[in-house]
Amino acid sequence: MASLVLKMQVASQGIQPSLHPQEAIDPHWSPLYFQPVAIETTGVYGKSTAPFLSGLSKKLVDVSGDPRECLWLHQRLSLAVARGNAASILTCVQV
């Protein structure tokens, strides 16, 4: 929505917005893409997840300047898997 408003403001000022080369060919093109993140219940990463998380970790460290960001990301993902495992067990067992 924000990009549409920005394009409308730019158009109202008579300025031609610069388009990405692919956007000029395909109006539905977007520089964003969907990256599935698959983590098994044992904690094993999926085939494309490990390289994605490695790149994301490097970007987090570059932006924040704190090398611990990489560890914190992996710890948060591990906790999410552990919580999901606990939730699935507790829904099956009557306490």
PDB file of N, CA and C in Angstrom:
ATOM      1  N   MET A   1       0.819  -1.186   0.000  1.00  0.00           N
ATOM      2  CA  MET A   1       0.000   0.000   0.000  1.00  0.00           C
ATOM      3  C   MET A   1       0.863   1.250   0.000  1.00  0.00           C
ATOM      4  N   ALA A   2       1.947   1.221   0.799  1.00  0.00           N
ATOM      5  CA  ALA A   2       2.819   2.388   0.873  1.00  0.00           C
ATOM      6  C   ALA A   2       3.474   2.669  -0.470  1.00  0.00           C
ATOM      7  N   SER A   3       3.855   1.609  -1.205  1.00  0.00           N
ATOM      8  CA  SER A   3       4.490   1.821  -2.502  1.00  0.00           C
ATOM      9  C   SER A   3       3.503   2.428  -3.495  1.00  0.00           C
ATOM     10  N   LEU A   4       2.219   2.047  -3.395  1.00  0.00           N
ATOM     11  CA  LEU A   4       1.211   2.620  -4.270  1.00  0.00           C
ATOM     12  C   LEU A   4       1.030   4.105  -3.978  1.00  0.00           C
ATOM     13  N   VAL A   5       0.998   4.465  -2.701  1.00  0.00           N
ATOM     14  CA  VAL A   5       0.865   5.869  -2.316  1.00  0.00           C
ATOM     15  C   VAL A   5       2.070   6.654  -2.797  1.00  0.00           C
ATOM     16  N   LEU A   6       3.261   6.094  -2.641  1.00  0.00           N
ATOM     17  CA  LEU A   6       4.480   6.759  -3.088  1.00  0.00           C
ATOM     18  C   LEU A   6       4.458   6.962  -4.601  1.00  0.00           C
ATOM     19  N   LYS A   7       4.034   5.938  -5.355  1.00  0.00           N
ATOM     20  CA  LYS A   7       3.960   6.071  -6.806  1.00  0.00           C
ATOM     21  C   LYS A   7       2.952   7.142  -7.203  1.00  0.00           C
ATOM     22  N   MET A   8       1.837   7.227  -6.460  1.00  0.00           N
ATOM     23  CA  MET A   8       0.831   8.245  -6.768  1.00  0.00           C
ATOM     24  C   MET A   8       1.373   9.642  -6.481  1.00  0.00           C
ATOM     25  N   GLN A   9       2.130   9.804  -5.372  1.00  0.00           N
ATOM     26  CA  GLN A   9       2.712  11.099  -5.051  1.00  0.00           C
ATOM     27  C   GLN A   9       3.733  11.512  -6.098  1.00  0.00           C
ATOM     28  N   VAL A  10       4.560  10.556  -6.512  1.00  0.00           N
ATOM     29  CA  VAL A  10       5.577  10.838  -7.529  1.00  0.00           C
ATOM     30  C   VAL A  10       4.903  11.204  -8.843  1.00  0.00           C
ATOM     31  N   ALA A  11       3.845  10.479  -9.214  1.00  0.00           N
ATOM     32  CA  ALA A  11       3.149  10.755 -10.467  1.00  0.00           C
ATOM     33  C   ALA A  11       2.466  12.120 -10.424  1.00  0.00           C
ATOM     34  N   SER A  12       1.924  12.500  -9.265  1.00  0.00           N
ATOM     35  CA  SER A  12       1.241  13.791  -9.166  1.00  0.00           C
ATOM     36  C   SER A  12       2.219  14.955  -9.296  1.00  0.00           C
ATOM     37  N   GLN A  13       3.493  14.721  -8.992  1.00  0.00           N
ATOM     38  CA  GLN A  13       4.508  15.766  -9.114  1.00  0.00           C
ATOM     39  C   GLN A  13       5.121  15.802 -10.517  1.00  0.00           C
ATOM     40  N   GLY A  14       4.661  14.911 -11.377  1.00  0.00           N
ATOM     41  CA  GLY A  14       5.158  14.899 -12.744  1.00  0.00           C
ATOM     42  C   GLY A  14       6.518  14.243 -12.897  1.00  0.00           C
ATOM     43  N   ILE A  15       6.948  13.484 -11.902  1.00  0.00           N
ATOM     44  CA  ILE A  15       8.243  12.808 -11.952  1.00  0.00           C
ATOM     45  C   ILE A  15       8.008  11.363 -12.358  1.00  0.00           C
ATOM     46  N   GLN A  16       8.766  10.880 -13.309  1.00  0.00           N
ATOM     47  CA  GLN A  16       8.656   9.484 -13.736  1.00  0.00           C
ATOM     48  C   GLN A  16       9.479   8.617 -12.797  1.00  0.00           C
ATOM     49  N   PRO A  17       8.848   7.709 -12.045  1.00  0.00           N
ATOM     50  CA  PRO A  17       9.629   6.856 -11.130  1.00  0.00           C
ATOM     51  C   PRO A  17      10.506   5.886 -11.907  1.00  0.00           C
ATOM     52  N   SER A  18      11.678   5.616 -11.371  1.00  0.00           N
ATOM     53  CA  SER A  18      12.556   4.664 -12.040  1.00  0.00           C
ATOM     54  C   SER A  18      12.090   3.249 -11.702  1.00  0.00           C
ATOM     55  N   LEU A  19      12.024   2.424 -12.701  1.00  0.00           N
ATOM     56  CA  LEU A  19      11.566   1.053 -12.537  1.00  0.00           C
ATOM     57  C   LEU A  19      12.746   0.099 -12.560  1.00  0.00           C
ATOM     58  N   HIS A  20      12.612  -0.975 -11.847  1.00  0.00           N
ATOM     59  CA  HIS A  20      13.581  -2.051 -11.947  1.00  0.00           C
ATOM     60  C   HIS A  20      13.422  -2.637 -13.350  1.00  0.00           C
ATOM     61  N   PRO A  21      14.500  -3.066 -14.006  1.00  0.00           N
ATOM     62  CA  PRO A  21      14.378  -3.595 -15.373  1.00  0.00           C
ATOM     63  C   PRO A  21      13.341  -4.704 -15.513  1.00  0.00           C
ATOM     64  N   GLN A  22      13.248  -5.576 -14.515  1.00  0.00           N
ATOM     65  CA  GLN A  22      12.275  -6.666 -14.588  1.00  0.00           C
ATOM     66  C   GLN A  22      10.849  -6.135 -14.439  1.00  0.00           C
ATOM     67  N   GLU A  23      10.676  -5.065 -13.641  1.00  0.00           N
ATOM     68  CA  GLU A  23       9.349  -4.488 -13.432  1.00  0.00           C
ATOM     69  C   GLU A  23       8.824  -3.859 -14.723  1.00  0.00           C
ATOM     70  N   ALA A  24       9.732  -3.350 -15.571  1.00  0.00           N
ATOM     71  CA  ALA A  24       9.312  -2.776 -16.842  1.00  0.00           C
ATOM     72  C   ALA A  24       8.762  -3.859 -17.764  1.00  0.00           C
ATOM     73  N   ILE A  25       9.280  -5.093 -17.636  1.00  0.00           N
ATOM     74  CA  ILE A  25       8.818  -6.206 -18.459  1.00  0.00           C
ATOM     75  C   ILE A  25       7.548  -6.822 -17.879  1.00  0.00           C
ATOM     76  N   ASP A  26       7.550  -7.069 -16.576  1.00  0.00           N
ATOM     77  CA  ASP A  26       6.436  -7.738 -15.904  1.00  0.00           C
ATOM     78  C   ASP A  26       5.935  -6.854 -14.765  1.00  0.00           C
ATOM     79  N   PRO A  27       4.736  -6.259 -14.881  1.00  0.00           N
ATOM     80  CA  PRO A  27       4.258  -5.344 -13.840  1.00  0.00           C
ATOM     81  C   PRO A  27       3.973  -6.033 -12.505  1.00  0.00           C
ATOM     82  N   HIS A  28       3.876  -7.366 -12.481  1.00  0.00           N
ATOM     83  CA  HIS A  28       3.602  -8.087 -11.237  1.00  0.00           C
ATOM     84  C   HIS A  28       4.879  -8.549 -10.543  1.00  0.00           C
ATOM     85  N   TRP A  29       6.039  -8.211 -11.106  1.00  0.00           N
ATOM     86  CA  TRP A  29       7.311  -8.615 -10.539  1.00  0.00           C
ATOM     87  C   TRP A  29       7.554  -7.874  -9.231  1.00  0.00           C
ATOM     88  N   SER A  30       8.183  -8.543  -8.284  1.00  0.00           N
ATOM     89  CA  SER A  30       8.531  -7.937  -7.007  1.00  0.00           C
ATOM     90  C   SER A  30       9.932  -8.382  -6.617  1.00  0.00           C
ATOM     91  N   PRO A  31      10.737  -7.483  -6.026  1.00  0.00           N
ATOM     92  CA  PRO A  31      12.077  -7.890  -5.596  1.00  0.00           C
ATOM     93  C   PRO A  31      12.039  -8.771  -4.353  1.00  0.00           C
ATOM     94  N   LEU A  32      10.868  -8.965  -3.765  1.00  0.00           N
ATOM     95  CA  LEU A  32      10.725  -9.825  -2.600  1.00  0.00           C
ATOM     96  C   LEU A  32      10.429 -11.242  -3.039  1.00  0.00           C
ATOM     97  N   TYR A  33      10.882 -12.208  -2.270  1.00  0.00           N
ATOM     98  CA  TYR A  33      10.605 -13.605  -2.583  1.00  0.00           C
ATOM     99  C   TYR A  33      10.291 -14.350  -1.295  1.00  0.00           C
ATOM    100  N   PHE A  34       9.605 -15.450  -1.440  1.00  0.00           N
ATOM    101  CA  PHE A  34       9.228 -16.282  -0.303  1.00  0.00           C
ATOM    102  C   PHE A  34      10.308 -17.316  -0.073  1.00  0.00           C
ATOM    103  N   GLN A  35      10.823 -17.371   1.147  1.00  0.00           N
ATOM    104  CA  GLN A  35      11.843 -18.350   1.501  1.00  0.00           C
ATOM    105  C   GLN A  35      11.285 -19.259   2.593  1.00  0.00           C
ATOM    106  N   PRO A  36      10.965 -20.506   2.275  1.00  0.00           N
ATOM    107  CA  PRO A  36      10.488 -21.403   3.321  1.00  0.00           C
ATOM    108  C   PRO A  36      11.620 -21.762   4.284  1.00  0.00           C
ATOM    109  N   VAL A  37      11.297 -21.794   5.554  1.00  0.00           N
ATOM    110  CA  VAL A  37      12.267 -22.180   6.583  1.00  0.00           C
ATOM    111  C   VAL A  37      11.765 -23.469   7.208  1.00  0.00           C
ATOM    112  N   ALA A  38      12.489 -24.559   6.974  1.00  0.00           N
ATOM    113  CA  ALA A  38      12.080 -25.867   7.479  1.00  0.00           C
ATOM    114  C   ALA A  38      13.064 -26.334   8.536  1.00  0.00           C
ATOM    115  N   ILE A  39      12.536 -26.569   9.739  1.00  0.00           N
ATOM    116  CA  ILE A  39      13.350 -27.101  10.832  1.00  0.00           C
ATOM    117  C   ILE A  39      12.629 -28.324  11.372  1.00  0.00           C
ATOM    118  N   GLU A  40      13.307 -29.458  11.349  1.00  0.00           N
ATOM    119  CA  GLU A  40      12.707 -30.694  11.855  1.00  0.00           C
ATOM    120  C   GLU A  40      12.532 -30.607  13.361  1.00  0.00           C
ATOM    121  N   THR A  41      11.711 -31.472  13.908  1.00  0.00           N
ATOM    122  CA  THR A  41      11.492 -31.467  15.356  1.00  0.00           C
ATOM    123  C   THR A  41      12.756 -31.840  16.119  1.00  0.00           C
ATOM    124  N   THR A  42      13.699 -32.497  15.454  1.00  0.00           N
ATOM    125  CA  THR A  42      14.977 -32.813  16.094  1.00  0.00           C
ATOM    126  C   THR A  42      15.959 -31.651  16.026  1.00  0.00           C
ATOM    127  N   GLY A  43      15.608 -30.599  15.287  1.00  0.00           N
ATOM    128  CA  GLY A  43      16.471 -29.434  15.168  1.00  0.00           C
ATOM    129  C   GLY A  43      17.284 -29.390  13.893  1.00  0.00           C
ATOM    130  N   VAL A  44      17.117 -30.365  13.016  1.00  0.00           N
ATOM    131  CA  VAL A  44      17.865 -30.402  11.748  1.00  0.00           C
ATOM    132  C   VAL A  44      17.222 -29.419  10.774  1.00  0.00           C
ATOM    133  N   TYR A  45      18.068 -28.602  10.121  1.00  0.00           N
ATOM    134  CA  TYR A  45      17.582 -27.616   9.155  1.00  0.00           C
ATOM    135  C   TYR A  45      17.301 -28.272   7.811  1.00  0.00           C
ATOM    136  N   GLY A  46      16.353 -27.719   7.083  1.00  0.00           N
ATOM    137  CA  GLY A  46      16.067 -28.173   5.731  1.00  0.00           C
ATOM    138  C   GLY A  46      17.188 -27.794   4.783  1.00  0.00           C
ATOM    139  N   LYS A  47      17.092 -28.296   3.555  1.00  0.00           N
ATOM    140  CA  LYS A  47      18.153 -28.132   2.562  1.00  0.00           C
ATOM    141  C   LYS A  47      18.461 -26.655   2.263  1.00  0.00           C
ATOM    142  N   SER A  48      17.442 -25.854   2.038  1.00  0.00           N
ATOM    143  CA  SER A  48      17.660 -24.442   1.697  1.00  0.00           C
ATOM    144  C   SER A  48      17.648 -23.536   2.923  1.00  0.00           C
ATOM    145  N   THR A  49      17.308 -24.088   4.079  1.00  0.00           N
ATOM    146  CA  THR A  49      17.217 -23.269   5.289  1.00  0.00           C
ATOM    147  C   THR A  49      18.587 -22.881   5.821  1.00  0.00           C
ATOM    148  N   ALA A  50      19.528 -23.820   5.834  1.00  0.00           N
ATOM    149  CA  ALA A  50      20.862 -23.538   6.382  1.00  0.00           C
ATOM    150  C   ALA A  50      21.562 -22.384   5.651  1.00  0.00           C
ATOM    151  N   PRO A  51      21.621 -22.371   4.312  1.00  0.00           N
ATOM    152  CA  PRO A  51      22.260 -21.236   3.640  1.00  0.00           C
ATOM    153  C   PRO A  51      21.505 -19.924   3.857  1.00  0.00           C
ATOM    154  N   PHE A  52      20.174 -20.007   3.907  1.00  0.00           N
ATOM    155  CA  PHE A  52      19.383 -18.799   4.134  1.00  0.00           C
ATOM    156  C   PHE A  52      19.669 -18.214   5.514  1.00  0.00           C
ATOM    157  N   LEU A  53      19.668 -19.063   6.543  1.00  0.00           N
ATOM    158  CA  LEU A  53      19.925 -18.581   7.898  1.00  0.00           C
ATOM    159  C   LEU A  53      21.356 -18.085   8.055  1.00  0.00           C
ATOM    160  N   SER A  54      22.289 -18.707   7.340  1.00  0.00           N
ATOM    161  CA  SER A  54      23.673 -18.242   7.373  1.00  0.00           C
ATOM    162  C   SER A  54      23.782 -16.828   6.804  1.00  0.00           C
ATOM    163  N   GLY A  55      23.127 -16.595   5.664  1.00  0.00           N
ATOM    164  CA  GLY A  55      23.142 -15.257   5.077  1.00  0.00           C
ATOM    165  C   GLY A  55      22.422 -14.237   5.944  1.00  0.00           C
ATOM    166  N   LEU A  56      21.299 -14.652   6.533  1.00  0.00           N
ATOM    167  CA  LEU A  56      20.555 -13.762   7.415  1.00  0.00           C
ATOM    168  C   LEU A  56      21.374 -13.413   8.647  1.00  0.00           C
ATOM    169  N   SER A  57      22.078 -14.386   9.198  1.00  0.00           N
ATOM    170  CA  SER A  57      22.930 -14.153  10.368  1.00  0.00           C
ATOM    171  C   SER A  57      24.025 -13.146  10.050  1.00  0.00           C
ATOM    172  N   LYS A  58      24.642 -13.294   8.882  1.00  0.00           N
ATOM    173  CA  LYS A  58      25.697 -12.358   8.483  1.00  0.00           C
ATOM    174  C   LYS A  58      25.152 -10.943   8.350  1.00  0.00           C
ATOM    175  N   LYS A  59      23.935 -10.816   7.786  1.00  0.00           N
ATOM    176  CA  LYS A  59      23.334  -9.488   7.650  1.00  0.00           C
ATOM    177  C   LYS A  59      23.007  -8.892   9.012  1.00  0.00           C
ATOM    178  N   LEU A  60      22.518  -9.719   9.940  1.00  0.00           N
ATOM    179  CA  LEU A  60      22.227  -9.230  11.289  1.00  0.00           C
ATOM    180  C   LEU A  60      23.490  -8.731  11.978  1.00  0.00           C
ATOM    181  N   VAL A  61      24.577  -9.468  11.831  1.00  0.00           N
ATOM    182  CA  VAL A  61      25.845  -9.065  12.440  1.00  0.00           C
ATOM    183  C   VAL A  61      26.344  -7.784  11.799  1.00  0.00           C
ATOM    184  N   ASP A  62      26.235  -7.663  10.479  1.00  0.00           N
ATOM    185  CA  ASP A  62      26.687  -6.456   9.788  1.00  0.00           C
ATOM    186  C   ASP A  62      25.892  -5.231  10.210  1.00  0.00           C
ATOM    187  N   VAL A  63      24.575  -5.385  10.332  1.00  0.00           N
ATOM    188  CA  VAL A  63      23.724  -4.245  10.674  1.00  0.00           C
ATOM    189  C   VAL A  63      23.904  -3.840  12.137  1.00  0.00           C
ATOM    190  N   SER A  64      23.932  -4.826  13.024  1.00  0.00           N
ATOM    191  CA  SER A  64      23.998  -4.508  14.456  1.00  0.00           C
ATOM    192  C   SER A  64      25.426  -4.274  14.943  1.00  0.00           C
ATOM    193  N   GLY A  65      26.387  -4.917  14.299  1.00  0.00           N
ATOM    194  CA  GLY A  65      27.766  -4.811  14.749  1.00  0.00           C
ATOM    195  C   GLY A  65      28.090  -5.738  15.909  1.00  0.00           C
ATOM    196  N   ASP A  66      27.120  -6.524  16.346  1.00  0.00           N
ATOM    197  CA  ASP A  66      27.319  -7.434  17.475  1.00  0.00           C
ATOM    198  C   ASP A  66      27.412  -8.864  16.953  1.00  0.00           C
ATOM    199  N   PRO A  67      28.564  -9.519  17.100  1.00  0.00           N
ATOM    200  CA  PRO A  67      28.716 -10.876  16.569  1.00  0.00           C
ATOM    201  C   PRO A  67      27.837 -11.912  17.272  1.00  0.00           C
ATOM    202  N   ARG A  68      27.260 -11.567  18.419  1.00  0.00           N
ATOM    203  CA  ARG A  68      26.396 -12.502  19.135  1.00  0.00           C
ATOM    204  C   ARG A  68      25.017 -12.630  18.503  1.00  0.00           C
ATOM    205  N   GLU A  69      24.679 -11.726  17.587  1.00  0.00           N
ATOM    206  CA  GLU A  69      23.361 -11.774  16.935  1.00  0.00           C
ATOM    207  C   GLU A  69      23.123 -13.110  16.245  1.00  0.00           C
ATOM    208  N   CYS A  70      24.165 -13.667  15.652  1.00  0.00           N
ATOM    209  CA  CYS A  70      24.058 -14.970  14.975  1.00  0.00           C
ATOM    210  C   CYS A  70      23.637 -16.050  15.966  1.00  0.00           C
ATOM    211  N   LEU A  71      24.280 -16.070  17.109  1.00  0.00           N
ATOM    212  CA  LEU A  71      23.951 -17.061  18.137  1.00  0.00           C
ATOM    213  C   LEU A  71      22.535 -16.861  18.664  1.00  0.00           C
ATOM    214  N   TRP A  72      22.153 -15.606  18.865  1.00  0.00           N
ATOM    215  CA  TRP A  72      20.819 -15.320  19.390  1.00  0.00           C
ATOM    216  C   TRP A  72      19.738 -15.765  18.424  1.00  0.00           C
ATOM    217  N   LEU A  73      19.965 -15.585  17.133  1.00  0.00           N
ATOM    218  CA  LEU A  73      18.983 -16.036  16.141  1.00  0.00           C
ATOM    219  C   LEU A  73      18.801 -17.550  16.226  1.00  0.00           C
ATOM    220  N   HIS A  74      19.898 -18.278  16.251  1.00  0.00           N
ATOM    221  CA  HIS A  74      19.812 -19.742  16.313  1.00  0.00           C
ATOM    222  C   HIS A  74      19.218 -20.222  17.640  1.00  0.00           C
ATOM    223  N   GLN A  75      19.503 -19.507  18.731  1.00  0.00           N
ATOM    224  CA  GLN A  75      18.912 -19.870  20.017  1.00  0.00           C
ATOM    225  C   GLN A  75      17.398 -19.657  20.007  1.00  0.00           C
ATOM    226  N   ARG A  76      16.954 -18.560  19.413  1.00  0.00           N
ATOM    227  CA  ARG A  76      15.513 -18.296  19.345  1.00  0.00           C
ATOM    228  C   ARG A  76      14.806 -19.349  18.507  1.00  0.00           C
ATOM    229  N   LEU A  77      15.429 -19.755  17.406  1.00  0.00           N
ATOM    230  CA  LEU A  77      14.833 -20.805  16.578  1.00  0.00           C
ATOM    231  C   LEU A  77      14.793 -22.142  17.327  1.00  0.00           C
ATOM    232  N   SER A  78      15.846 -22.440  18.073  1.00  0.00           N
ATOM    233  CA  SER A  78      15.873 -23.683  18.854  1.00  0.00           C
ATOM    234  C   SER A  78      14.781 -23.676  19.914  1.00  0.00           C
ATOM    235  N   LEU A  79      14.595 -22.536  20.576  1.00  0.00           N
ATOM    236  CA  LEU A  79      13.533 -22.441  21.581  1.00  0.00           C
ATOM    237  C   LEU A  79      12.156 -22.590  20.951  1.00  0.00           C
ATOM    238  N   ALA A  80      11.977 -22.031  19.769  1.00  0.00           N
ATOM    239  CA  ALA A  80      10.689 -22.154  19.086  1.00  0.00           C
ATOM    240  C   ALA A  80      10.386 -23.612  18.751  1.00  0.00           C
ATOM    241  N   VAL A  81      11.402 -24.346  18.305  1.00  0.00           N
ATOM    242  CA  VAL A  81      11.212 -25.773  18.005  1.00  0.00           C
ATOM    243  C   VAL A  81      10.899 -26.535  19.288  1.00  0.00           C
ATOM    244  N   ALA A  82      11.636 -26.253  20.372  1.00  0.00           N
ATOM    245  CA  ALA A  82      11.397 -26.937  21.647  1.00  0.00           C
ATOM    246  C   ALA A  82       9.995 -26.653  22.173  1.00  0.00           C
ATOM    247  N   ARG A  83       9.560 -25.399  22.068  1.00  0.00           N
ATOM    248  CA  ARG A  83       8.208 -25.045  22.518  1.00  0.00           C
ATOM    249  C   ARG A  83       7.155 -25.739  21.668  1.00  0.00           C
ATOM    250  N   GLY A  84       7.392 -25.817  20.370  1.00  0.00           N
ATOM    251  CA  GLY A  84       6.451 -26.511  19.494  1.00  0.00           C
ATOM    252  C   GLY A  84       6.371 -27.991  19.824  1.00  0.00           C
ATOM    253  N   ASN A  85       7.524 -28.603  20.103  1.00  0.00           N
ATOM    254  CA  ASN A  85       7.541 -30.014  20.497  1.00  0.00           C
ATOM    255  C   ASN A  85       6.772 -30.218  21.798  1.00  0.00           C
ATOM    256  N   ALA A  86       7.008 -29.341  22.771  1.00  0.00           N
ATOM    257  CA  ALA A  86       6.318 -29.459  24.056  1.00  0.00           C
ATOM    258  C   ALA A  86       4.811 -29.278  23.886  1.00  0.00           C
ATOM    259  N   ALA A  87       4.418 -28.321  23.057  1.00  0.00           N
ATOM    260  CA  ALA A  87       2.990 -28.083  22.831  1.00  0.00           C
ATOM    261  C   ALA A  87       2.334 -29.284  22.168  1.00  0.00           C
ATOM    262  N   SER A  88       3.016 -29.912  21.218  1.00  0.00           N
ATOM    263  CA  SER A  88       2.415 -31.061  20.543  1.00  0.00           C
ATOM    264  C   SER A  88       2.297 -32.256  21.480  1.00  0.00           C
ATOM    265  N   ILE A  89       3.259 -32.414  22.379  1.00  0.00           N
ATOM    266  CA  ILE A  89       3.186 -33.512  23.352  1.00  0.00           C
ATOM    267  C   ILE A  89       2.076 -33.255  24.361  1.00  0.00           C
ATOM    268  N   LEU A  90       1.978 -32.018  24.840  1.00  0.00           N
ATOM    269  CA  LEU A  90       0.972 -31.712  25.854  1.00  0.00           C
ATOM    270  C   LEU A  90      -0.441 -31.787  25.324  1.00  0.00           C
ATOM    271  N   THR A  91      -0.629 -31.583  24.017  1.00  0.00           N
ATOM    272  CA  THR A  91      -1.983 -31.702  23.473  1.00  0.00           C
ATOM    273  C   THR A  91      -2.405 -33.166  23.337  1.00  0.00           C
ATOM    274  N   CYS A  92      -1.423 -34.069  23.281  1.00  0.00           N
ATOM    275  CA  CYS A  92      -1.741 -35.496  23.154  1.00  0.00           C
ATOM    276  C   CYS A  92      -1.913 -36.187  24.501  1.00  0.00           C
ATOM    277  N   VAL A  93      -1.313 -35.639  25.537  1.00  0.00           N
ATOM    278  CA  VAL A  93      -1.327 -36.273  26.848  1.00  0.00           C
ATOM    279  C   VAL A  93      -2.304 -35.536  27.749  1.00  0.00           C
ATOM    280  N   GLN A  94      -3.116 -36.280  28.442  1.00  0.00           N
ATOM    281  CA  GLN A  94      -4.045 -35.663  29.386  1.00  0.00           C
ATOM    282  C   GLN A  94      -3.334 -35.485  30.723  1.00  0.00           C
ATOM    283  N   VAL A  95      -3.310 -34.249  31.179  1.00  0.00           N
ATOM    284  CA  VAL A  95      -2.613 -33.940  32.434  1.00  0.00           C
ATOM    285  C   VAL A  95      -3.612 -33.822  33.561  1.00  0.00           C
TER     286      VAL A  95
END
